[in-house]
N, C-alpha and C. Protein backbone atom coordinates (compact mmCIF):
# COMPACT_ATOMS: atom_id res chain seq x y z
N UNK A 1 0.69 -1.56 -0.50
CA UNK A 1 0.27 0.12 0.29
C UNK A 1 0.85 1.34 0.23
N UNK A 2 0.79 2.10 -0.87
CA UNK A 2 1.08 3.39 -1.31
C UNK A 2 0.48 4.82 -0.26
N UNK A 3 -0.59 4.03 0.57
CA UNK A 3 -1.96 5.18 0.88
C UNK A 3 -2.65 4.92 2.10
N UNK A 4 -2.86 5.82 2.89
CA UNK A 4 -3.26 5.09 4.54
C UNK A 4 -5.01 4.81 4.19
N UNK A 5 -5.17 3.32 4.63
CA UNK A 5 -6.92 3.50 4.61
C UNK A 5 -7.45 3.83 5.80
N UNK A 6 -8.61 5.11 5.10
CA UNK A 6 -9.37 5.88 6.09
C UNK A 6 -10.63 5.15 5.96
N UNK A 7 -11.64 4.75 7.01
CA UNK A 7 -13.52 4.46 7.14
C UNK A 7 -13.41 5.93 7.79
N UNK A 8 -14.67 6.33 6.74
CA UNK A 8 -15.27 7.45 7.00
C UNK A 8 -17.11 7.03 7.47
N UNK A 9 -17.39 7.96 7.56
CA UNK A 9 -19.61 7.42 7.56
C UNK A 9 -19.77 6.78 6.46
N UNK A 10 -19.44 7.28 5.35
CA UNK A 10 -19.94 5.96 4.24
C UNK A 10 -19.20 4.31 4.30
N UNK A 11 -18.22 5.04 5.19
CA UNK A 11 -18.44 2.81 5.30
C UNK A 11 -18.98 2.65 6.56
N UNK A 12 -19.71 3.29 7.21
CA UNK A 12 -20.31 2.37 8.59
C UNK A 12 -22.14 2.08 8.06
N UNK A 13 -22.25 2.11 7.15
CA UNK A 13 -23.33 1.62 6.31
C UNK A 13 -24.60 2.80 6.81
N UNK A 14 -26.01 2.41 7.63
CA UNK A 14 -26.75 3.16 7.87
C UNK A 14 -27.63 2.53 8.89
N UNK A 15 -28.28 3.10 9.95
CA UNK A 15 -29.18 2.90 11.27
C UNK A 15 -29.77 1.33 11.07
N UNK A 16 -30.53 1.89 9.84
CA UNK A 16 -31.14 -0.08 9.57
C UNK A 16 -30.17 -0.63 9.11
N UNK A 17 -29.21 -0.42 8.17
CA UNK A 17 -28.65 -1.77 7.53
C UNK A 17 -26.34 -1.15 7.66
N UNK A 18 -26.60 -1.14 9.23
CA UNK A 18 -25.37 -0.73 9.50
C UNK A 18 -24.21 -2.12 8.65
N UNK A 19 -22.63 -1.51 8.76
CA UNK A 19 -21.94 -2.25 8.20
C UNK A 19 -21.13 -2.64 9.30
N UNK A 20 -20.55 -3.97 9.36
CA UNK A 20 -20.42 -4.59 11.07
C UNK A 20 -18.74 -5.00 10.36
N UNK A 21 -16.82 -4.43 10.97
CA UNK A 21 -16.69 -5.63 10.80
C UNK A 21 -15.76 -6.70 11.72
N UNK A 22 -15.80 -7.35 10.67
CA UNK A 22 -15.48 -8.41 12.02
C UNK A 22 -14.34 -9.55 11.24
N UNK A 23 -13.62 -10.53 12.62
CA UNK A 23 -13.08 -10.74 12.19
C UNK A 23 -13.60 -12.65 11.78
N UNK A 24 -12.86 -13.07 10.31
CA UNK A 24 -13.02 -14.41 9.54
C UNK A 24 -13.64 -15.57 11.27
N UNK A 25 -14.48 -16.44 11.24
CA UNK A 25 -14.21 -17.50 11.87
C UNK A 25 -13.52 -17.19 13.22
N UNK A 26 -12.60 -18.17 13.91
CA UNK A 26 -11.12 -17.97 14.47
C UNK A 26 -10.53 -16.99 14.28
N UNK A 27 -10.45 -16.50 13.14
CA UNK A 27 -9.31 -15.64 13.52
C UNK A 27 -9.17 -14.02 13.72
N UNK A 28 -7.53 -14.22 14.07
CA UNK A 28 -7.64 -12.59 14.89
C UNK A 28 -6.75 -11.18 14.04
N UNK A 29 -7.81 -10.21 13.65
CA UNK A 29 -7.55 -9.20 12.91
C UNK A 29 -6.18 -8.21 13.50
N UNK A 30 -5.54 -7.86 12.93
CA UNK A 30 -4.81 -7.24 12.76
C UNK A 30 -4.36 -5.79 12.17
N UNK A 31 -4.50 -4.45 12.66
CA UNK A 31 -4.49 -3.28 11.90
C UNK A 31 -3.13 -2.29 13.08
N UNK A 32 -2.52 -2.82 11.47
CA UNK A 32 -0.75 -1.98 12.20
C UNK A 32 -0.84 -0.61 11.34
N UNK A 33 -0.23 0.00 11.16
CA UNK A 33 0.23 1.61 11.15
C UNK A 33 1.26 1.09 9.97
N UNK A 34 2.15 0.21 10.39
CA UNK A 34 3.24 0.17 10.32
C UNK A 34 3.28 0.06 8.66
N UNK A 35 5.29 0.06 8.16
CA UNK A 35 5.54 -0.60 7.21
C UNK A 35 6.68 -1.50 7.26
N UNK A 36 6.72 -2.44 6.17
CA UNK A 36 7.82 -3.33 6.16
C UNK A 36 8.98 -2.49 5.82
N UNK A 37 10.15 -2.49 6.86
CA UNK A 37 11.39 -2.36 5.87
C UNK A 37 11.96 -2.99 4.94
N UNK A 38 12.52 -2.48 4.03
CA UNK A 38 12.92 -3.37 2.75
C UNK A 38 13.90 -4.42 2.96
N UNK A 39 13.55 -5.83 1.97
CA UNK A 39 14.63 -7.12 2.47
C UNK A 39 15.63 -6.03 2.44
N UNK A 40 15.84 -5.58 1.62
CA UNK A 40 17.50 -5.03 0.86
C UNK A 40 18.17 -4.63 1.79
N UNK A 41 18.03 -4.39 3.29
CA UNK A 41 18.20 -3.44 3.56
C UNK A 41 19.65 -4.74 4.66
N UNK A 42 20.57 -4.27 4.56
CA UNK A 42 21.81 -4.71 5.17
C UNK A 42 21.79 -4.51 6.76
N UNK A 43 22.17 -5.44 7.55
CA UNK A 43 22.15 -5.86 8.82
C UNK A 43 23.44 -6.00 9.45
N UNK A 44 23.56 -5.34 10.49
CA UNK A 44 25.21 -6.07 11.01
C UNK A 44 25.04 -5.65 12.06
N UNK A 45 25.89 -6.62 12.76
CA UNK A 45 26.30 -6.68 14.13
C UNK A 45 26.92 -5.57 15.02
N UNK A 46 26.48 -4.77 15.90
CA UNK A 46 27.09 -3.91 16.49
C UNK A 46 27.74 -3.95 18.19
N UNK A 47 27.11 -5.08 18.67
CA UNK A 47 27.67 -6.12 19.79
C UNK A 47 26.49 -6.76 20.47
N UNK A 48 27.34 -8.01 21.05
CA UNK A 48 26.37 -8.96 21.29
C UNK A 48 25.18 -9.29 20.32
N UNK A 49 23.83 -8.54 20.86
CA UNK A 49 22.86 -9.56 20.01
C UNK A 49 22.07 -7.50 19.33
N UNK A 50 22.96 -6.92 19.22
CA UNK A 50 22.56 -5.34 18.96
C UNK A 50 22.76 -5.72 17.44
N UNK A 51 21.44 -5.15 16.73
CA UNK A 51 21.93 -4.83 15.65
C UNK A 51 21.39 -3.74 14.96
N UNK A 52 22.48 -3.10 13.98
CA UNK A 52 21.88 -1.56 13.43
C UNK A 52 22.08 -1.77 11.59
N UNK A 53 21.22 -0.70 10.99
CA UNK A 53 21.08 -0.66 9.69
C UNK A 53 20.65 0.73 9.12
N UNK A 54 20.65 1.05 8.46
CA UNK A 54 20.40 2.11 7.85
C UNK A 54 19.38 2.21 6.80
N UNK A 55 18.30 3.29 7.66
CA UNK A 55 17.21 3.72 7.00
C UNK A 55 17.53 4.58 5.69
N UNK A 56 16.19 4.56 4.72
CA UNK A 56 16.15 6.01 4.18
C UNK A 56 15.71 7.25 5.23
N UNK A 57 16.22 8.42 4.36
CA UNK A 57 16.34 9.31 4.91
C UNK A 57 14.86 9.98 5.15
N UNK A 58 14.75 10.84 6.73
CA UNK A 58 13.26 11.06 6.02
C UNK A 58 12.44 10.53 6.94
N UNK A 59 12.70 8.80 6.61
CA UNK A 59 11.75 7.60 8.23
C UNK A 59 11.70 8.09 9.27
N UNK A 60 10.37 8.68 9.72
CA UNK A 60 10.48 8.25 11.66
C UNK A 60 10.45 7.24 11.80
N UNK A 61 10.96 6.85 12.97
CA UNK A 61 10.98 5.47 13.50
C UNK A 61 10.65 5.30 15.33
N UNK A 62 9.22 4.89 15.49
CA UNK A 62 9.34 5.37 17.31
C UNK A 62 8.85 3.51 18.17
N UNK A 63 9.13 2.88 16.91
CA UNK A 63 8.22 1.58 17.20
C UNK A 63 9.44 -0.13 15.98
N UNK A 64 10.03 -0.38 16.35
CA UNK A 64 10.60 -1.81 15.86
C UNK A 64 9.85 -2.56 16.04
N UNK A 65 8.94 -3.79 15.09
CA UNK A 65 8.60 -5.34 15.19
C UNK A 65 9.43 -6.48 14.30
N UNK A 66 9.67 -7.00 14.64
CA UNK A 66 10.29 -8.88 14.18
C UNK A 66 9.94 -9.40 14.46
N UNK A 67 9.28 -10.30 13.92
CA UNK A 67 8.28 -11.68 13.26
C UNK A 67 7.18 -11.24 14.57
N UNK A 68 6.40 -9.78 14.66
CA UNK A 68 5.17 -9.91 15.32
C UNK A 68 5.28 -9.49 16.14
N UNK A 69 7.02 -9.13 17.19
CA UNK A 69 6.91 -9.07 18.20
C UNK A 69 8.08 -7.45 18.55
N UNK A 70 7.71 -7.29 19.51
CA UNK A 70 8.28 -5.37 19.54
C UNK A 70 9.13 -5.38 19.91
N UNK A 71 10.03 -4.72 19.48
CA UNK A 71 11.43 -4.87 20.02
C UNK A 71 11.88 -4.03 20.62
N UNK A 72 13.43 -3.82 21.79
CA UNK A 72 13.06 -2.97 22.51
C UNK A 72 14.31 -2.19 21.47
N UNK A 73 14.00 -0.61 21.27
CA UNK A 73 14.89 0.32 20.61
C UNK A 73 16.13 0.77 21.64
N UNK A 74 17.16 1.62 21.16
CA UNK A 74 18.17 1.98 21.65
C UNK A 74 18.16 3.02 22.43
N UNK A 75 18.39 3.20 23.67
CA UNK A 75 17.65 4.10 25.02
C UNK A 75 18.32 4.34 25.67
N UNK A 76 18.77 5.77 26.68
CA UNK A 76 19.19 5.72 27.55
C UNK A 76 18.25 5.57 29.03
N UNK A 77 18.51 5.18 30.18
CA UNK A 77 18.97 4.26 30.55
C UNK A 77 18.74 2.75 29.52
N UNK A 78 19.68 1.88 29.03
CA UNK A 78 19.22 0.57 28.93
C UNK A 78 17.78 0.36 29.40
N UNK A 79 16.73 -1.15 28.09
CA UNK A 79 16.13 -1.25 29.30
C UNK A 79 16.16 -2.39 30.42
N UNK A 80 15.05 -2.13 31.18
CA UNK A 80 14.92 -3.15 32.27
C UNK A 80 13.64 -4.09 32.44
N UNK A 81 13.14 -4.64 32.51
CA UNK A 81 11.80 -5.43 32.73
C UNK A 81 11.74 -5.58 33.93
N UNK A 82 12.25 -5.32 34.74
CA UNK A 82 12.21 -5.81 36.37
C UNK A 82 12.03 -4.28 36.66
N UNK A 83 12.07 -3.02 36.16
CA UNK A 83 11.52 -1.70 36.81
C UNK A 83 9.95 -1.67 36.13
N UNK A 84 9.38 -0.97 37.29
CA UNK A 84 8.23 -0.37 36.74
C UNK A 84 7.80 0.75 35.85
N UNK A 85 8.64 1.32 36.47
CA UNK A 85 8.39 2.96 35.98
C UNK A 85 9.44 2.90 34.44
N UNK A 86 8.67 2.93 33.72
CA UNK A 86 9.28 4.06 32.58
C UNK A 86 10.22 2.63 31.76
N UNK A 87 10.11 1.35 32.23
CA UNK A 87 11.17 -0.23 32.11
C UNK A 87 12.34 0.57 32.28
N UNK A 88 12.65 1.19 33.36
CA UNK A 88 14.03 1.67 33.57
C UNK A 88 14.30 2.97 33.45
N UNK A 89 15.07 3.06 34.34
CA UNK A 89 15.22 4.51 34.82
C UNK A 89 17.00 4.61 35.19
N UNK A 90 17.17 6.31 35.77
CA UNK A 90 19.00 6.37 35.98
C UNK A 90 18.43 7.73 36.40
N UNK A 91 18.86 7.45 37.63
CA UNK A 91 18.22 9.12 38.94
C UNK A 91 19.44 10.35 38.48
N UNK A 92 20.09 10.16 37.72
CA UNK A 92 21.78 10.74 37.17
C UNK A 92 21.06 10.66 35.56
N UNK A 93 19.57 10.74 34.95
CA UNK A 93 19.62 10.97 33.25
C UNK A 93 19.50 12.28 33.58
N UNK A 94 19.18 12.96 33.94
CA UNK A 94 18.88 14.71 33.51
C UNK A 94 20.26 15.15 34.50
N UNK A 95 21.44 14.55 35.20
CA UNK A 95 21.58 15.92 35.42
C UNK A 95 23.22 16.89 34.82
N UNK A 96 23.00 18.37 35.39
CA UNK A 96 23.52 18.80 34.66
C UNK A 96 24.64 18.68 33.53
N UNK A 97 25.56 17.43 34.05
CA UNK A 97 26.90 17.12 33.33
C UNK A 97 26.15 16.17 32.59
N UNK A 98 25.33 15.47 32.09
CA UNK A 98 24.99 14.69 31.13
C UNK A 98 24.32 15.50 30.18
N UNK A 99 23.28 16.28 30.73
CA UNK A 99 22.85 17.79 29.95
C UNK A 99 23.23 18.23 28.70
N UNK A 100 24.56 18.52 28.89
CA UNK A 100 25.60 19.48 28.61
C UNK A 100 26.27 18.29 27.60
N UNK A 101 25.91 17.00 27.87
CA UNK A 101 27.21 16.35 26.30
C UNK A 101 25.54 15.76 25.93
N UNK A 102 24.65 16.66 25.58
CA UNK A 102 23.84 15.93 24.64
C UNK A 102 23.64 17.50 23.27
N UNK A 103 23.16 16.66 22.21
CA UNK A 103 23.29 17.04 21.06
C UNK A 103 22.57 18.87 20.85
N UNK A 104 22.43 19.77 20.54
CA UNK A 104 21.39 20.53 19.74
C UNK A 104 20.45 20.21 18.94
N UNK A 105 19.29 20.10 19.29
CA UNK A 105 18.31 19.74 18.62
C UNK A 105 18.12 20.45 16.90
N UNK A 106 18.05 20.26 16.39
CA UNK A 106 17.70 20.88 15.14
C UNK A 106 16.13 21.03 14.30
N UNK A 107 15.76 22.16 14.18
CA UNK A 107 14.81 22.69 14.02
C UNK A 107 14.48 22.36 12.53
N UNK A 108 15.20 21.89 11.79
CA UNK A 108 14.38 21.37 10.01
C UNK A 108 14.14 20.07 10.23
N UNK A 109 14.12 19.58 11.48
CA UNK A 109 14.63 17.99 11.25
C UNK A 109 12.68 17.95 12.55
N UNK A 110 12.86 18.35 13.33
CA UNK A 110 11.60 18.27 14.36
C UNK A 110 11.14 19.58 14.90
N UNK A 111 9.84 19.79 14.41
CA UNK A 111 9.41 21.10 15.09
C UNK A 111 8.45 21.07 15.78
N UNK A 112 8.73 20.32 16.89
CA UNK A 112 7.17 20.09 17.87
C UNK A 112 8.10 20.98 18.97
N UNK A 113 7.48 20.60 19.85
CA UNK A 113 8.44 21.57 21.62
C UNK A 113 8.13 20.45 21.81
N UNK A 114 9.37 20.88 23.06
CA UNK A 114 9.96 19.70 24.22
C UNK A 114 10.25 20.68 24.95
N UNK A 115 9.63 20.32 26.12
CA UNK A 115 9.71 20.82 27.49
C UNK A 115 10.59 19.97 28.69
N UNK A 116 11.55 20.53 29.62
CA UNK A 116 12.16 19.53 30.45
C UNK A 116 11.93 20.68 31.97
N UNK A 117 11.41 19.87 33.06
CA UNK A 117 11.14 20.47 34.02
C UNK A 117 12.11 20.42 34.63
N UNK A 118 13.15 21.30 35.66
CA UNK A 118 13.82 21.27 36.61
C UNK A 118 13.60 22.84 37.52
N UNK A 119 13.65 22.27 38.83
CA UNK A 119 13.94 22.62 39.57
C UNK A 119 12.10 23.56 40.26
N UNK A 120 10.96 22.21 39.49
CA UNK A 120 10.02 22.72 40.26
C UNK A 120 9.02 23.08 38.74
N UNK A 121 10.25 24.16 37.72
CA UNK A 121 9.83 25.28 36.43
C UNK A 121 9.54 24.49 34.85
N UNK A 122 8.64 24.30 34.18
CA UNK A 122 8.98 23.74 32.77
C UNK A 122 9.87 24.54 31.46
N UNK A 123 10.99 24.20 31.35
CA UNK A 123 11.41 25.37 30.80
C UNK A 123 11.71 24.40 29.17
N UNK A 124 11.40 25.35 27.78
CA UNK A 124 11.72 24.76 26.40
C UNK A 124 12.97 24.50 26.20
N UNK A 125 12.66 24.10 25.33
CA UNK A 125 14.21 23.16 25.05
C UNK A 125 14.62 23.88 23.62
N UNK A 126 15.40 24.60 23.54
CA UNK A 126 15.48 25.12 22.35
C UNK A 126 15.73 24.46 20.82
């Protein structure tokens, strides 16, 4: 598919003849907004079981599935299934020393507003 599927009022029938979308027999329907990455991608081992590849410029990825299972994407702190809050956290993740190492966000890549809470005040990240 190269365009989204859109359901609107015309797809719902009428009060006297409603359209009902349902699974066939014992099938389990899957509605996914994802796209399949090209089979021609070259994956390499970064370290351990960490794999890396290069994707098309401008493609935004916030989730990755492999064989139907959501994968843990690179993050700091590392994923920790024993932690209830955010699947892992580090008390030092927002220290001034660590924040000073962050790269400056380029406005041409991301136009969303982001905020960080410090000393009880919300400050916009430029």
